[in-house]
Amino acid sequence: GSVFSINAMGWYRQAAGKQRELVASITSDGTTNYAVSVKGRFTISRD
């Protein structure tokens, strides 16, 4: 679509009846953030 810039992208997950929670995110400068439950197992990256 028509996007000037994507400042951050991330992955969330949501089970039925539960709140959507952050899994991992990455900002335009490469800063990453992970949920404690997935840290060390999941890796986020962007092109």
All heavy atoms as atom14 arrays in JSON, in Angstrom:
{
  "sequence": "GSVFSINAMGWYRQAAGKQRELVASITSDGTTNYAVSVKGRFTISRD",
  "atom14_mask": [
    [1, 1, 1, 1, 0, 0, 0, 0, 0, 0, 0, 0, 0, 0],
    [1, 1, 1, 1, 1, 1, 0, 0, 0, 0, 0, 0, 0, 0],
    [1, 1, 1, 1, 1, 1, 1, 0, 0, 0, 0, 0, 0, 0],
    [1, 1, 1, 1, 1, 1, 1, 1, 1, 1, 1, 0, 0, 0],
    [1, 1, 1, 1, 1, 1, 0, 0, 0, 0, 0, 0, 0, 0],
    [1, 1, 1, 1, 1, 1, 1, 1, 0, 0, 0, 0, 0, 0],
    [1, 1, 1, 1, 1, 1, 1, 1, 0, 0, 0, 0, 0, 0],
    [1, 1, 1, 1, 1, 0, 0, 0, 0, 0, 0, 0, 0, 0],
    [1, 1, 1, 1, 1, 1, 1, 1, 0, 0, 0, 0, 0, 0],
    [1, 1, 1, 1, 0, 0, 0, 0, 0, 0, 0, 0, 0, 0],
    [1, 1, 1, 1, 1, 1, 1, 1, 1, 1, 1, 1, 1, 1],
    [1, 1, 1, 1, 1, 1, 1, 1, 1, 1, 1, 1, 0, 0],
    [1, 1, 1, 1, 1, 1, 1, 1, 1, 1, 1, 0, 0, 0],
    [1, 1, 1, 1, 1, 1, 1, 1, 1, 0, 0, 0, 0, 0],
    [1, 1, 1, 1, 1, 0, 0, 0, 0, 0, 0, 0, 0, 0],
    [1, 1, 1, 1, 1, 0, 0, 0, 0, 0, 0, 0, 0, 0],
    [1, 1, 1, 1, 0, 0, 0, 0, 0, 0, 0, 0, 0, 0],
    [1, 1, 1, 1, 1, 1, 1, 1, 1, 0, 0, 0, 0, 0],
    [1, 1, 1, 1, 1, 1, 1, 1, 1, 0, 0, 0, 0, 0],
    [1, 1, 1, 1, 1, 1, 1, 1, 1, 1, 1, 0, 0, 0],
    [1, 1, 1, 1, 1, 1, 1, 1, 1, 0, 0, 0, 0, 0],
    [1, 1, 1, 1, 1, 1, 1, 1, 0, 0, 0, 0, 0, 0],
    [1, 1, 1, 1, 1, 1, 1, 0, 0, 0, 0, 0, 0, 0],
    [1, 1, 1, 1, 1, 0, 0, 0, 0, 0, 0, 0, 0, 0],
    [1, 1, 1, 1, 1, 1, 0, 0, 0, 0, 0, 0, 0, 0],
    [1, 1, 1, 1, 1, 1, 1, 1, 0, 0, 0, 0, 0, 0],
    [1, 1, 1, 1, 1, 1, 1, 0, 0, 0, 0, 0, 0, 0],
    [1, 1, 1, 1, 1, 1, 0, 0, 0, 0, 0, 0, 0, 0],
    [1, 1, 1, 1, 1, 1, 1, 1, 0, 0, 0, 0, 0, 0],
    [1, 1, 1, 1, 0, 0, 0, 0, 0, 0, 0, 0, 0, 0],
    [1, 1, 1, 1, 1, 1, 1, 0, 0, 0, 0, 0, 0, 0],
    [1, 1, 1, 1, 1, 1, 1, 0, 0, 0, 0, 0, 0, 0],
    [1, 1, 1, 1, 1, 1, 1, 1, 0, 0, 0, 0, 0, 0],
    [1, 1, 1, 1, 1, 1, 1, 1, 1, 1, 1, 1, 0, 0],
    [1, 1, 1, 1, 1, 0, 0, 0, 0, 0, 0, 0, 0, 0],
    [1, 1, 1, 1, 1, 1, 1, 0, 0, 0, 0, 0, 0, 0],
    [1, 1, 1, 1, 1, 1, 0, 0, 0, 0, 0, 0, 0, 0],
    [1, 1, 1, 1, 1, 1, 1, 0, 0, 0, 0, 0, 0, 0],
    [1, 1, 1, 1, 1, 1, 1, 1, 1, 0, 0, 0, 0, 0],
    [1, 1, 1, 1, 0, 0, 0, 0, 0, 0, 0, 0, 0, 0],
    [1, 1, 1, 1, 1, 1, 1, 1, 1, 1, 1, 0, 0, 0],
    [1, 1, 1, 1, 1, 1, 1, 1, 1, 1, 1, 0, 0, 0],
    [1, 1, 1, 1, 1, 1, 1, 0, 0, 0, 0, 0, 0, 0],
    [1, 1, 1, 1, 1, 1, 1, 1, 0, 0, 0, 0, 0, 0],
    [1, 1, 1, 1, 1, 1, 0, 0, 0, 0, 0, 0, 0, 0],
    [1, 1, 1, 1, 1, 1, 1, 1, 1, 1, 1, 0, 0, 0],
    [1, 1, 1, 1, 1, 1, 1, 1, 0, 0, 0, 0, 0, 0]
  ],
  "atom14_positions": [
    [[0.82, -1.19, 0.0], [0.0, 0.0, 0.0], [0.85, 1.24, 0.0], [2.08, 1.19, -0.08], [0.0, 0.0, 0.0], [0.0, 0.0, 0.0], [0.0, 0.0, 0.0], [0.0, 0.0, 0.0], [0.0, 0.0, 0.0], [0.0, 0.0, 0.0], [0.0, 0.0, 0.0], [0.0, 0.0, 0.0], [0.0, 0.0, 0.0], [0.0, 0.0, 0.0]],
    [[0.2, 2.36, 0.1], [0.89, 3.64, 0.1], [1.36, 3.96, 1.51], [0.57, 4.37, 2.36], [-0.04, 4.73, -0.43], [0.62, 5.98, -0.46], [0.0, 0.0, 0.0], [0.0, 0.0, 0.0], [0.0, 0.0, 0.0], [0.0, 0.0, 0.0], [0.0, 0.0, 0.0], [0.0, 0.0, 0.0], [0.0, 0.0, 0.0], [0.0, 0.0, 0.0]],
    [[2.64, 3.75, 1.72], [3.25, 3.95, 3.03], [4.5, 4.8, 2.87], [5.38, 4.47, 2.07], [3.6, 2.62, 3.71], [4.25, 2.87, 5.06], [2.36, 1.76, 3.88], [0.0, 0.0, 0.0], [0.0, 0.0, 0.0], [0.0, 0.0, 0.0], [0.0, 0.0, 0.0], [0.0, 0.0, 0.0], [0.0, 0.0, 0.0], [0.0, 0.0, 0.0]],
    [[4.57, 5.86, 3.63], [5.78, 6.67, 3.6], [6.91, 5.98, 4.34], [8.04, 5.91, 3.85], [5.51, 8.05, 4.2], [6.74, 8.9, 4.32], [7.37, 9.4, 3.18], [7.29, 9.2, 5.55], [8.51, 10.19, 3.28], [8.43, 9.98, 5.66], [9.04, 10.48, 4.52], [0.0, 0.0, 0.0], [0.0, 0.0, 0.0], [0.0, 0.0, 0.0]],
    [[6.61, 5.48, 5.52], [7.61, 4.76, 6.29], [6.93, 3.8, 7.24], [5.84, 4.07, 7.73], [8.51, 5.73, 7.06], [7.78, 6.43, 8.05], [0.0, 0.0, 0.0], [0.0, 0.0, 0.0], [0.0, 0.0, 0.0], [0.0, 0.0, 0.0], [0.0, 0.0, 0.0], [0.0, 0.0, 0.0], [0.0, 0.0, 0.0], [0.0, 0.0, 0.0]],
    [[7.59, 2.69, 7.46], [7.15, 1.74, 8.47], [8.08, 1.9, 9.66], [9.27, 1.56, 9.58], [7.18, 0.31, 7.94], [6.24, 0.17, 6.75], [6.79, -0.68, 9.05], [6.23, -1.2, 6.12], [0.0, 0.0, 0.0], [0.0, 0.0, 0.0], [0.0, 0.0, 0.0], [0.0, 0.0, 0.0], [0.0, 0.0, 0.0], [0.0, 0.0, 0.0]],
    [[7.56, 2.41, 10.72], [8.39, 2.76, 11.87], [8.67, 1.57, 12.77], [9.71, 1.51, 13.41], [7.72, 3.88, 12.67], [7.43, 5.08, 11.81], [8.28, 5.57, 11.07], [6.2, 5.57, 11.89], [0.0, 0.0, 0.0], [0.0, 0.0, 0.0], [0.0, 0.0, 0.0], [0.0, 0.0, 0.0], [0.0, 0.0, 0.0], [0.0, 0.0, 0.0]],
    [[7.74, 0.64, 12.81], [7.93, -0.55, 13.62], [7.02, -1.64, 13.1], [5.95, -1.38, 12.56], [7.63, -0.27, 15.1], [0.0, 0.0, 0.0], [0.0, 0.0, 0.0], [0.0, 0.0, 0.0], [0.0, 0.0, 0.0], [0.0, 0.0, 0.0], [0.0, 0.0, 0.0], [0.0, 0.0, 0.0], [0.0, 0.0, 0.0], [0.0, 0.0, 0.0]],
    [[7.46, -2.87, 13.27], [6.64, -4.02, 12.93], [6.78, -5.03, 14.05], [7.8, -5.06, 14.75], [7.04, -4.64, 11.59], [6.9, -3.69, 10.41], [7.16, -4.48, 8.81], [5.59, -5.34, 8.63], [0.0, 0.0, 0.0], [0.0, 0.0, 0.0], [0.0, 0.0, 0.0], [0.0, 0.0, 0.0], [0.0, 0.0, 0.0], [0.0, 0.0, 0.0]],
    [[5.76, -5.83, 14.21], [5.82, -6.79, 15.28], [4.86, -7.94, 15.07], [4.04, -7.95, 14.15], [0.0, 0.0, 0.0], [0.0, 0.0, 0.0], [0.0, 0.0, 0.0], [0.0, 0.0, 0.0], [0.0, 0.0, 0.0], [0.0, 0.0, 0.0], [0.0, 0.0, 0.0], [0.0, 0.0, 0.0], [0.0, 0.0, 0.0], [0.0, 0.0, 0.0]],
    [[5.0, -8.9, 15.95], [4.13, -10.07, 15.97], [3.45, -10.16, 17.32], [4.11, -10.02, 18.36], [4.92, -11.35, 15.7], [5.4, -11.47, 14.29], [6.63, -11.12, 13.81], [4.66, -11.97, 13.18], [6.7, -11.37, 12.47], [5.51, -11.9, 12.05], [3.38, -12.48, 13.02], [5.1, -12.31, 10.78], [2.97, -12.89, 11.77], [3.83, -12.8, 10.67]],
    [[2.18, -10.4, 17.28], [1.38, -10.6, 18.47], [0.64, -11.92, 18.34], [0.47, -12.45, 17.25], [0.37, -9.47, 18.65], [0.99, -8.13, 19.0], [1.72, -7.41, 18.08], [0.81, -7.59, 20.28], [2.28, -6.19, 18.4], [1.36, -6.36, 20.61], [2.09, -5.67, 19.66], [2.64, -4.45, 19.99], [0.0, 0.0, 0.0], [0.0, 0.0, 0.0]],
    [[0.2, -12.45, 19.45], [-0.62, -13.65, 19.42], [-1.78, -13.5, 20.38], [-1.69, -12.79, 21.38], [0.2, -14.91, 19.73], [0.82, -14.95, 21.12], [1.78, -16.14, 21.21], [2.39, -16.26, 22.52], [3.36, -17.11, 22.82], [3.82, -17.93, 21.88], [3.86, -17.15, 24.05], [0.0, 0.0, 0.0], [0.0, 0.0, 0.0], [0.0, 0.0, 0.0]],
    [[-2.84, -14.17, 20.05], [-4.05, -14.06, 20.84], [-4.8, -15.37, 20.82], [-5.19, -15.86, 19.75], [-4.95, -12.94, 20.3], [-6.19, -12.68, 21.13], [-6.96, -11.48, 20.64], [-6.85, -11.09, 19.47], [-7.74, -10.88, 21.52], [0.0, 0.0, 0.0], [0.0, 0.0, 0.0], [0.0, 0.0, 0.0], [0.0, 0.0, 0.0], [0.0, 0.0, 0.0]],
    [[-5.0, -15.91, 21.99], [-5.82, -17.1, 22.15], [-7.25, -16.68, 22.43], [-7.51, -15.57, 22.9], [-5.28, -17.98, 23.27], [0.0, 0.0, 0.0], [0.0, 0.0, 0.0], [0.0, 0.0, 0.0], [0.0, 0.0, 0.0], [0.0, 0.0, 0.0], [0.0, 0.0, 0.0], [0.0, 0.0, 0.0], [0.0, 0.0, 0.0], [0.0, 0.0, 0.0]],
    [[-8.16, -17.58, 22.15], [-9.57, -17.29, 22.38], [-9.82, -16.92, 23.83], [-9.38, -17.63, 24.74], [-10.42, -18.5, 21.99], [0.0, 0.0, 0.0], [0.0, 0.0, 0.0], [0.0, 0.0, 0.0], [0.0, 0.0, 0.0], [0.0, 0.0, 0.0], [0.0, 0.0, 0.0], [0.0, 0.0, 0.0], [0.0, 0.0, 0.0], [0.0, 0.0, 0.0]],
    [[-10.49, -15.82, 24.03], [-10.82, -15.38, 25.36], [-9.71, -14.69, 26.11], [-9.88, -14.35, 27.28], [0.0, 0.0, 0.0], [0.0, 0.0, 0.0], [0.0, 0.0, 0.0], [0.0, 0.0, 0.0], [0.0, 0.0, 0.0], [0.0, 0.0, 0.0], [0.0, 0.0, 0.0], [0.0, 0.0, 0.0], [0.0, 0.0, 0.0], [0.0, 0.0, 0.0]],
    [[-8.59, -14.46, 25.46], [-7.46, -13.82, 26.1], [-7.06, -12.55, 25.35], [-7.44, -12.34, 24.21], [-6.26, -14.77, 26.18], [-6.49, -15.98, 27.06], [-5.23, -16.8, 27.2], [-5.44, -17.98, 28.12], [-5.73, -17.53, 29.51], [0.0, 0.0, 0.0], [0.0, 0.0, 0.0], [0.0, 0.0, 0.0], [0.0, 0.0, 0.0], [0.0, 0.0, 0.0]],
    [[-6.31, -11.71, 26.03], [-5.82, -10.49, 25.42], [-4.72, -10.78, 24.41], [-3.96, -11.74, 24.55], [-5.29, -9.53, 26.48], [-6.34, -8.99, 27.44], [-5.76, -7.98, 28.41], [-4.54, -7.82, 28.5], [-6.62, -7.3, 29.13], [0.0, 0.0, 0.0], [0.0, 0.0, 0.0], [0.0, 0.0, 0.0], [0.0, 0.0, 0.0], [0.0, 0.0, 0.0]],
    [[-4.66, -9.95, 23.41], [-3.58, -10.05, 22.45], [-2.28, -9.6, 23.13], [-2.23, -8.56, 23.78], [-3.88, -9.18, 21.23], [-2.93, -9.37, 20.07], [-3.45, -8.67, 18.81], [-4.7, -9.24, 18.36], [-5.33, -8.87, 17.25], [-4.81, -7.91, 16.48], [-6.48, -9.44, 16.91], [0.0, 0.0, 0.0], [0.0, 0.0, 0.0], [0.0, 0.0, 0.0]],
    [[-1.25, -10.4, 22.97], [0.0, -10.11, 23.64], [1.14, -10.01, 22.65], [1.16, -10.66, 21.61], [0.32, -11.18, 24.7], [0.57, -12.56, 24.12], [0.99, -13.57, 25.18], [0.99, -13.23, 26.37], [1.3, -14.72, 24.81], [0.0, 0.0, 0.0], [0.0, 0.0, 0.0], [0.0, 0.0, 0.0], [0.0, 0.0, 0.0], [0.0, 0.0, 0.0]],
    [[2.1, -9.19, 23.02], [3.28, -9.01, 22.19], [4.14, -10.26, 22.21], [4.42, -10.82, 23.27], [4.1, -7.82, 22.69], [5.46, -7.62, 22.04], [5.3, -7.15, 20.61], [6.3, -6.63, 22.83], [0.0, 0.0, 0.0], [0.0, 0.0, 0.0], [0.0, 0.0, 0.0], [0.0, 0.0, 0.0], [0.0, 0.0, 0.0], [0.0, 0.0, 0.0]],
    [[4.55, -10.69, 21.04], [5.53, -11.76, 20.91], [6.91, -11.18, 20.65], [7.87, -11.49, 21.35], [5.14, -12.74, 19.79], [6.2, -13.81, 19.62], [3.78, -13.36, 20.07], [0.0, 0.0, 0.0], [0.0, 0.0, 0.0], [0.0, 0.0, 0.0], [0.0, 0.0, 0.0], [0.0, 0.0, 0.0], [0.0, 0.0, 0.0], [0.0, 0.0, 0.0]],
    [[6.99, -10.33, 19.65], [8.25, -9.7, 19.29], [7.98, -8.48, 18.45], [6.99, -8.44, 17.71], [9.17, -10.67, 18.55], [0.0, 0.0, 0.0], [0.0, 0.0, 0.0], [0.0, 0.0, 0.0], [0.0, 0.0, 0.0], [0.0, 0.0, 0.0], [0.0, 0.0, 0.0], [0.0, 0.0, 0.0], [0.0, 0.0, 0.0], [0.0, 0.0, 0.0]],
    [[8.84, -7.51, 18.53], [8.71, -6.31, 17.72], [10.09, -5.83, 17.32], [11.1, -6.16, 17.95], [7.95, -5.21, 18.46], [8.67, -4.78, 19.61], [0.0, 0.0, 0.0], [0.0, 0.0, 0.0], [0.0, 0.0, 0.0], [0.0, 0.0, 0.0], [0.0, 0.0, 0.0], [0.0, 0.0, 0.0], [0.0, 0.0, 0.0], [0.0, 0.0, 0.0]],
    [[10.11, -5.03, 16.27], [11.36, -4.47, 15.79], [11.08, -3.09, 15.24], [10.12, -2.87, 14.51], [12.04, -5.39, 14.75], [13.4, -4.83, 14.35], [11.14, -5.6, 13.54], [14.24, -5.84, 13.57], [0.0, 0.0, 0.0], [0.0, 0.0, 0.0], [0.0, 0.0, 0.0], [0.0, 0.0, 0.0], [0.0, 0.0, 0.0], [0.0, 0.0, 0.0]],
    [[11.92, -2.13, 15.59], [11.76, -0.77, 15.13], [12.61, -0.53, 13.89], [13.38, -1.39, 13.46], [12.15, 0.23, 16.22], [13.53, 0.07, 16.55], [11.32, 0.01, 17.48], [0.0, 0.0, 0.0], [0.0, 0.0, 0.0], [0.0, 0.0, 0.0], [0.0, 0.0, 0.0], [0.0, 0.0, 0.0], [0.0, 0.0, 0.0], [0.0, 0.0, 0.0]],
    [[12.47, 0.65, 13.33], [13.19, 0.97, 12.11], [14.69, 0.99, 12.3], [15.45, 0.79, 11.35], [12.71, 2.31, 11.54], [12.89, 3.35, 12.48], [0.0, 0.0, 0.0], [0.0, 0.0, 0.0], [0.0, 0.0, 0.0], [0.0, 0.0, 0.0], [0.0, 0.0, 0.0], [0.0, 0.0, 0.0], [0.0, 0.0, 0.0], [0.0, 0.0, 0.0]],
    [[15.14, 1.24, 13.53], [16.57, 1.25, 13.79], [17.1, -0.1, 14.23], [18.27, -0.23, 14.58], [16.93, 2.32, 14.82], [16.36, 2.04, 16.2], [15.62, 1.06, 16.36], [16.65, 2.82, 17.12], [0.0, 0.0, 0.0], [0.0, 0.0, 0.0], [0.0, 0.0, 0.0], [0.0, 0.0, 0.0], [0.0, 0.0, 0.0], [0.0, 0.0, 0.0]],
    [[16.24, -1.11, 14.22], [16.67, -2.46, 14.53], [16.51, -2.88, 15.97], [16.89, -4.01, 16.32], [0.0, 0.0, 0.0], [0.0, 0.0, 0.0], [0.0, 0.0, 0.0], [0.0, 0.0, 0.0], [0.0, 0.0, 0.0], [0.0, 0.0, 0.0], [0.0, 0.0, 0.0], [0.0, 0.0, 0.0], [0.0, 0.0, 0.0], [0.0, 0.0, 0.0]],
    [[15.97, -2.03, 16.8], [15.75, -2.39, 18.19], [14.66, -3.45, 18.3], [13.58, -3.29, 17.73], [15.36, -1.17, 19.02], [16.4, -0.18, 18.92], [15.17, -1.54, 20.48], [0.0, 0.0, 0.0], [0.0, 0.0, 0.0], [0.0, 0.0, 0.0], [0.0, 0.0, 0.0], [0.0, 0.0, 0.0], [0.0, 0.0, 0.0], [0.0, 0.0, 0.0]],
    [[14.94, -4.5, 19.02], [14.0, -5.6, 19.15], [13.5, -5.73, 20.58], [14.16, -5.32, 21.53], [14.62, -6.93, 18.72], [15.79, -7.2, 19.51], [15.02, -6.88, 17.25], [0.0, 0.0, 0.0], [0.0, 0.0, 0.0], [0.0, 0.0, 0.0], [0.0, 0.0, 0.0], [0.0, 0.0, 0.0], [0.0, 0.0, 0.0], [0.0, 0.0, 0.0]],
    [[12.34, -6.32, 20.7], [11.73, -6.58, 21.98], [11.01, -7.91, 21.9], [10.33, -8.19, 20.92], [10.77, -5.46, 22.36], [10.26, -5.57, 23.78], [10.95, -6.06, 24.66], [9.03, -5.1, 24.01], [0.0, 0.0, 0.0], [0.0, 0.0, 0.0], [0.0, 0.0, 0.0], [0.0, 0.0, 0.0], [0.0, 0.0, 0.0], [0.0, 0.0, 0.0]],
    [[11.16, -8.73, 22.94], [10.58, -10.06, 22.95], [9.82, -10.3, 24.23], [10.19, -9.81, 25.3], [11.65, -11.14, 22.82], [12.39, -11.15, 21.52], [13.58, -10.43, 21.37], [11.92, -11.88, 20.43], [14.27, -10.44, 20.17], [12.61, -11.9, 19.23], [13.79, -11.17, 19.11], [14.48, -11.19, 17.92], [0.0, 0.0, 0.0], [0.0, 0.0, 0.0]],
    [[8.77, -11.08, 24.12], [8.12, -11.59, 25.3], [9.06, -12.53, 26.03], [9.84, -13.26, 25.4], [6.83, -12.31, 24.93], [0.0, 0.0, 0.0], [0.0, 0.0, 0.0], [0.0, 0.0, 0.0], [0.0, 0.0, 0.0], [0.0, 0.0, 0.0], [0.0, 0.0, 0.0], [0.0, 0.0, 0.0], [0.0, 0.0, 0.0], [0.0, 0.0, 0.0]],
    [[8.99, -12.52, 27.34], [9.86, -13.38, 28.13], [9.7, -14.84, 27.74], [10.67, -15.6, 27.68], [9.6, -13.18, 29.63], [10.38, -14.19, 30.46], [9.95, -11.76, 30.05], [0.0, 0.0, 0.0], [0.0, 0.0, 0.0], [0.0, 0.0, 0.0], [0.0, 0.0, 0.0], [0.0, 0.0, 0.0], [0.0, 0.0, 0.0], [0.0, 0.0, 0.0]],
    [[8.48, -15.24, 27.43], [8.2, -16.63, 27.15], [8.84, -17.14, 25.85], [8.97, -18.35, 25.67], [6.69, -16.86, 27.09], [6.1, -16.08, 26.08], [0.0, 0.0, 0.0], [0.0, 0.0, 0.0], [0.0, 0.0, 0.0], [0.0, 0.0, 0.0], [0.0, 0.0, 0.0], [0.0, 0.0, 0.0], [0.0, 0.0, 0.0], [0.0, 0.0, 0.0]],
    [[9.22, -16.23, 24.96], [9.79, -16.65, 23.68], [11.24, -16.23, 23.52], [11.88, -16.65, 22.55], [8.96, -16.11, 22.5], [7.5, -16.47, 22.67], [9.14, -14.61, 22.34], [0.0, 0.0, 0.0], [0.0, 0.0, 0.0], [0.0, 0.0, 0.0], [0.0, 0.0, 0.0], [0.0, 0.0, 0.0], [0.0, 0.0, 0.0], [0.0, 0.0, 0.0]],
    [[11.75, -15.44, 24.42], [13.1, -14.94, 24.29], [14.09, -16.1, 24.27], [14.03, -17.0, 25.1], [13.43, -13.98, 25.43], [14.64, -13.11, 25.17], [14.75, -12.0, 26.21], [15.86, -11.03, 25.88], [15.92, -9.91, 26.85], [0.0, 0.0, 0.0], [0.0, 0.0, 0.0], [0.0, 0.0, 0.0], [0.0, 0.0, 0.0], [0.0, 0.0, 0.0]],
    [[14.98, -16.06, 23.31], [15.93, -17.14, 23.13], [15.48, -18.21, 22.18], [16.3, -19.02, 21.72], [0.0, 0.0, 0.0], [0.0, 0.0, 0.0], [0.0, 0.0, 0.0], [0.0, 0.0, 0.0], [0.0, 0.0, 0.0], [0.0, 0.0, 0.0], [0.0, 0.0, 0.0], [0.0, 0.0, 0.0], [0.0, 0.0, 0.0], [0.0, 0.0, 0.0]],
    [[14.2, -18.25, 21.87], [13.66, -19.22, 20.94], [13.18, -18.6, 19.63], [13.28, -19.23, 18.58], [12.49, -19.98, 21.58], [12.86, -20.76, 22.82], [11.71, -21.64, 23.3], [10.53, -20.85, 23.68], [9.34, -20.95, 23.1], [9.15, -21.8, 22.1], [8.32, -20.21, 23.53], [0.0, 0.0, 0.0], [0.0, 0.0, 0.0], [0.0, 0.0, 0.0]],
    [[12.66, -17.39, 19.71], [12.13, -16.7, 18.54], [13.07, -15.57, 18.14], [13.72, -14.95, 19.0], [10.75, -16.1, 18.82], [9.65, -17.1, 19.02], [9.91, -18.46, 19.12], [8.34, -16.67, 19.12], [8.89, -19.38, 19.31], [7.31, -17.57, 19.32], [7.58, -18.93, 19.41], [0.0, 0.0, 0.0], [0.0, 0.0, 0.0], [0.0, 0.0, 0.0]],
    [[13.11, -15.29, 16.86], [13.92, -14.2, 16.35], [13.12, -13.4, 15.33], [12.6, -13.96, 14.36], [15.21, -14.71, 15.69], [15.95, -15.51, 16.61], [16.08, -13.54, 15.24], [0.0, 0.0, 0.0], [0.0, 0.0, 0.0], [0.0, 0.0, 0.0], [0.0, 0.0, 0.0], [0.0, 0.0, 0.0], [0.0, 0.0, 0.0], [0.0, 0.0, 0.0]],
    [[13.03, -12.11, 15.56], [12.34, -11.24, 14.63], [13.36, -10.52, 13.76], [14.43, -10.14, 14.22], [11.42, -10.24, 15.36], [10.52, -9.49, 14.36], [12.22, -9.27, 16.22], [9.44, -8.67, 15.03], [0.0, 0.0, 0.0], [0.0, 0.0, 0.0], [0.0, 0.0, 0.0], [0.0, 0.0, 0.0], [0.0, 0.0, 0.0], [0.0, 0.0, 0.0]],
    [[13.01, -10.33, 12.51], [13.87, -9.61, 11.59], [12.99, -8.92, 10.56], [11.81, -9.24, 10.41], [14.88, -10.54, 10.91], [14.23, -11.54, 10.15], [0.0, 0.0, 0.0], [0.0, 0.0, 0.0], [0.0, 0.0, 0.0], [0.0, 0.0, 0.0], [0.0, 0.0, 0.0], [0.0, 0.0, 0.0], [0.0, 0.0, 0.0], [0.0, 0.0, 0.0]],
    [[13.56, -7.97, 9.86], [12.79, -7.26, 8.85], [13.65, -6.95, 7.64], [14.88, -6.81, 7.74], [12.18, -5.97, 9.42], [13.19, -4.92, 9.88], [12.51, -3.73, 10.53], [11.71, -2.97, 9.58], [10.95, -1.92, 9.89], [10.89, -1.51, 11.16], [10.26, -1.28, 8.95], [0.0, 0.0, 0.0], [0.0, 0.0, 0.0], [0.0, 0.0, 0.0]],
    [[12.98, -6.85, 6.52], [13.6, -6.44, 5.28], [12.97, -5.1, 4.94], [11.85, -5.04, 4.42], [13.35, -7.48, 4.18], [14.08, -7.15, 2.9], [14.32, -5.96, 2.61], [14.41, -8.1, 2.15], [0.0, 0.0, 0.0], [0.0, 0.0, 0.0], [0.0, 0.0, 0.0], [0.0, 0.0, 0.0], [0.0, 0.0, 0.0], [0.0, 0.0, 0.0]]
  ]
}
